[in-house]
Amino acid sequence: MRLLDEDEGINPALSVVNLVDVFLVLVAALLIAIAQNPLNPFMAEDVTVIKNEGKDNMEIIVKKGNKIESFKSEGQTGSGTGKKAGTAYEMADGSIIYVKE
């Protein structure tokens, strides 16, 4: 049992083990700080994330409470039948007014 008889100051492996422990505690503290950050968007009840906006592979992820839904674009423009329902006007202050016909 020669390893047990060695002086702790001589064995460099013991200091490396201590450094690993210190870094593990530091990483755990950083992860907890990030998870509890009030600016974390996933802490809110309702979140909408749009990935690759305006491209063929666009994806919309919606989180409402504990329910998460994902909508993927098929890369096609939508179409359908209908009729003109009115006109929208943008005012000088940036507000929009809808006038039904």
C-alpha atoms as a PDB file:
ATOM      1  CA  MET A   1       0.000   0.000   0.000  1.00  0.00           C
ATOM      2  CA  ARG A   2       2.569   2.480  -1.102  1.00  0.00           C
ATOM      3  CA  LEU A   3      -0.057   4.958  -2.431  1.00  0.00           C
ATOM      4  CA  LEU A   4      -1.600   5.428   0.984  1.00  0.00           C
ATOM      5  CA  ASP A   5       1.766   6.159   2.536  1.00  0.00           C
ATOM      6  CA  GLU A   6       2.652   8.952   0.058  1.00  0.00           C
ATOM      7  CA  ASP A   7       2.533  12.549   1.095  1.00  0.00           C
ATOM      8  CA  GLU A   8      -0.443  14.462  -0.377  1.00  0.00           C
ATOM      9  CA  GLY A   9       1.838  17.290  -1.473  1.00  0.00           C
ATOM     10  CA  ILE A  10       3.878  14.965  -3.677  1.00  0.00           C
ATOM     11  CA  ASN A  11       0.977  13.362  -5.584  1.00  0.00           C
ATOM     12  CA  PRO A  12      -0.128  15.752  -8.414  1.00  0.00           C
ATOM     13  CA  ALA A  13      -3.227  13.670  -9.177  1.00  0.00           C
ATOM     14  CA  LEU A  14      -4.902  14.856  -5.979  1.00  0.00           C
ATOM     15  CA  SER A  15      -4.751  18.506  -7.043  1.00  0.00           C
ATOM     16  CA  VAL A  16      -6.243  17.623 -10.457  1.00  0.00           C
ATOM     17  CA  VAL A  17      -9.135  15.847  -8.743  1.00  0.00           C
ATOM     18  CA  ASN A  18      -9.742  18.945  -6.634  1.00  0.00           C
ATOM     19  CA  LEU A  19      -9.801  21.156  -9.747  1.00  0.00           C
ATOM     20  CA  VAL A  20     -12.341  18.863 -11.414  1.00  0.00           C
ATOM     21  CA  ASP A  21     -14.568  19.146  -8.346  1.00  0.00           C
ATOM     22  CA  VAL A  22     -14.326  22.936  -8.373  1.00  0.00           C
ATOM     23  CA  PHE A  23     -15.258  23.108 -12.069  1.00  0.00           C
ATOM     24  CA  LEU A  24     -18.221  20.750 -11.569  1.00  0.00           C
ATOM     25  CA  VAL A  25     -19.586  23.019  -8.836  1.00  0.00           C
ATOM     26  CA  LEU A  26     -19.021  26.068 -11.060  1.00  0.00           C
ATOM     27  CA  VAL A  27     -20.850  24.490 -14.016  1.00  0.00           C
ATOM     28  CA  ALA A  28     -23.766  23.450 -11.789  1.00  0.00           C
ATOM     29  CA  ALA A  29     -24.052  26.998 -10.422  1.00  0.00           C
ATOM     30  CA  LEU A  30     -24.057  28.487 -13.935  1.00  0.00           C
ATOM     31  CA  LEU A  31     -26.749  26.061 -15.127  1.00  0.00           C
ATOM     32  CA  ILE A  32     -28.953  26.953 -12.173  1.00  0.00           C
ATOM     33  CA  ALA A  33     -28.433  30.669 -12.834  1.00  0.00           C
ATOM     34  CA  ILE A  34     -29.382  30.275 -16.499  1.00  0.00           C
ATOM     35  CA  ALA A  35     -32.482  28.216 -15.680  1.00  0.00           C
ATOM     36  CA  GLN A  36     -33.754  30.788 -13.175  1.00  0.00           C
ATOM     37  CA  ASN A  37     -33.025  33.812 -15.385  1.00  0.00           C
ATOM     38  CA  PRO A  38     -36.209  35.941 -15.662  1.00  0.00           C
ATOM     39  CA  LEU A  39     -35.341  36.733 -19.290  1.00  0.00           C
ATOM     40  CA  ASN A  40     -35.496  33.028 -20.225  1.00  0.00           C
ATOM     41  CA  PRO A  41     -38.227  32.876 -22.919  1.00  0.00           C
ATOM     42  CA  PHE A  42     -39.264  29.362 -21.915  1.00  0.00           C
ATOM     43  CA  MET A  43     -40.229  30.481 -18.398  1.00  0.00           C
ATOM     44  CA  ALA A  44     -43.283  32.316 -19.776  1.00  0.00           C
ATOM     45  CA  GLU A  45     -46.633  30.553 -20.056  1.00  0.00           C
ATOM     46  CA  ASP A  46     -47.117  31.195 -23.786  1.00  0.00           C
ATOM     47  CA  VAL A  47     -44.195  31.326 -26.238  1.00  0.00           C
ATOM     48  CA  THR A  48     -44.067  31.328 -30.055  1.00  0.00           C
ATOM     49  CA  VAL A  49     -40.782  30.631 -31.845  1.00  0.00           C
ATOM     50  CA  ILE A  50     -40.377  30.968 -35.631  1.00  0.00           C
ATOM     51  CA  LYS A  51     -37.402  29.176 -37.195  1.00  0.00           C
ATOM     52  CA  ASN A  52     -36.159  30.006 -40.734  1.00  0.00           C
ATOM     53  CA  GLU A  53     -38.754  32.736 -41.255  1.00  0.00           C
ATOM     54  CA  GLY A  54     -39.935  33.145 -44.850  1.00  0.00           C
ATOM     55  CA  LYS A  55     -38.037  30.114 -46.187  1.00  0.00           C
ATOM     56  CA  ASP A  56     -39.315  26.816 -47.543  1.00  0.00           C
ATOM     57  CA  ASN A  57     -38.314  24.943 -44.364  1.00  0.00           C
ATOM     58  CA  MET A  58     -39.931  27.414 -41.941  1.00  0.00           C
ATOM     59  CA  GLU A  59     -41.130  25.985 -38.622  1.00  0.00           C
ATOM     60  CA  ILE A  60     -43.385  27.539 -35.988  1.00  0.00           C
ATOM     61  CA  ILE A  61     -43.198  26.203 -32.426  1.00  0.00           C
ATOM     62  CA  VAL A  62     -46.004  27.264 -30.068  1.00  0.00           C
ATOM     63  CA  LYS A  63     -45.938  26.630 -26.296  1.00  0.00           C
ATOM     64  CA  LYS A  64     -49.186  27.224 -24.400  1.00  0.00           C
ATOM     65  CA  GLY A  65     -48.835  26.246 -20.764  1.00  0.00           C
ATOM     66  CA  ASN A  66     -47.425  22.709 -20.772  1.00  0.00           C
ATOM     67  CA  LYS A  67     -48.532  21.911 -24.343  1.00  0.00           C
ATOM     68  CA  ILE A  68     -46.001  22.324 -27.195  1.00  0.00           C
ATOM     69  CA  GLU A  69     -47.072  22.212 -30.858  1.00  0.00           C
ATOM     70  CA  SER A  70     -44.878  22.354 -33.947  1.00  0.00           C
ATOM     71  CA  PHE A  71     -46.044  23.458 -37.389  1.00  0.00           C
ATOM     72  CA  LYS A  72     -43.793  22.857 -40.395  1.00  0.00           C
ATOM     73  CA  SER A  73     -44.084  24.625 -43.731  1.00  0.00           C
ATOM     74  CA  GLU A  74     -44.682  22.546 -46.812  1.00  0.00           C
ATOM     75  CA  GLY A  75     -42.989  25.151 -49.004  1.00  0.00           C
ATOM     76  CA  GLN A  76     -46.173  25.976 -50.904  1.00  0.00           C
ATOM     77  CA  THR A  77     -48.230  29.164 -51.057  1.00  0.00           C
ATOM     78  CA  GLY A  78     -51.731  28.833 -49.675  1.00  0.00           C
ATOM     79  CA  SER A  79     -54.760  29.419 -51.849  1.00  0.00           C
ATOM     80  CA  GLY A  80     -58.526  29.309 -51.575  1.00  0.00           C
ATOM     81  CA  THR A  81     -61.763  30.943 -52.585  1.00  0.00           C
ATOM     82  CA  GLY A  82     -63.302  34.025 -51.071  1.00  0.00           C
ATOM     83  CA  LYS A  83     -64.281  37.609 -51.679  1.00  0.00           C
ATOM     84  CA  LYS A  84     -62.954  41.014 -50.749  1.00  0.00           C
ATOM     85  CA  ALA A  85     -64.218  41.912 -47.281  1.00  0.00           C
ATOM     86  CA  GLY A  86     -63.019  45.502 -46.985  1.00  0.00           C
ATOM     87  CA  THR A  87     -60.039  47.834 -47.111  1.00  0.00           C
ATOM     88  CA  ALA A  88     -57.343  48.548 -44.545  1.00  0.00           C
ATOM     89  CA  TYR A  89     -55.730  52.003 -44.263  1.00  0.00           C
ATOM     90  CA  GLU A  90     -52.528  52.834 -42.392  1.00  0.00           C
ATOM     91  CA  MET A  91     -52.710  56.181 -40.639  1.00  0.00           C
ATOM     92  CA  ALA A  92     -49.810  58.635 -40.161  1.00  0.00           C
ATOM     93  CA  ASP A  93     -49.341  57.538 -36.518  1.00  0.00           C
ATOM     94  CA  GLY A  94     -48.913  53.886 -37.582  1.00  0.00           C
ATOM     95  CA  SER A  95     -52.361  52.647 -36.573  1.00  0.00           C
ATOM     96  CA  ILE A  96     -54.413  50.649 -39.050  1.00  0.00           C
ATOM     97  CA  ILE A  97     -58.106  51.224 -39.717  1.00  0.00           C
ATOM     98  CA  TYR A  98     -60.270  48.555 -41.379  1.00  0.00           C
ATOM     99  CA  VAL A  99     -63.294  49.713 -43.390  1.00  0.00           C
ATOM    100  CA  LYS A 100     -65.837  47.001 -44.181  1.00  0.00           C
ATOM    101  CA  GLU A 101     -67.441  47.186 -47.620  1.00  0.00           C
END
